[in-house]
């Protein structure tokens, strides 16, 4: 069932804008969109990067896949349409947080380029930074922190990304992390250097 759209909704421009909010925080707002296979290390690296940014005095917020499904997206399942809606909602939230002047980190598999491009299109020029946590499938399966690959291989989970559902790797990510061959600390350092080069920090 599709919700009816109201025709009397107007976007209100507030007196305090994104530039003022960002100026108060002394940073350039952006969305760091971590994508990769399950078990690639997205949440781990995003969490470590947020801790480093907080220590440096930056204002951040980390949107994590499991946490979002406890509240904002708890009504959604894992069908293709529900997964797409999940990413759309997260993108809209990330956009509002960036408007508040924050550095937003998000950790979602988001396997399809179309979905990631949808979020990119919500944000201003240079505000969306795609972070590809590039970990080989066999390494992700070895880690398997939630036992999901084992269940997928046994046929207990259907349409599991990387097994019987395709993952479309980013073609030109702003940040490409070779997570299978570096420590978390090294990956965080790589992110910091790129954020400095892009004058986010």
Foldseek 3Di string as FASTA:
>chain_A
DDDDDDPPDDDDDDPDWLVNLQVVQVFQAAEEEEAEAQQLCQVVLLVVLVVVCVVVRGAEEEAEDVVCCVPVLVVADPDPVSVLVSLVVVLVVSQVVSGSNHHYYYGDNPQDPVSLVVSVVSDDPPRYFYEYSDEDPVNSCVPCVPCPVVCVVVVNDPCHDPRHPDGDGDPDGLHYHPSHPDDSVVSSVSVVVSCVVSRRD
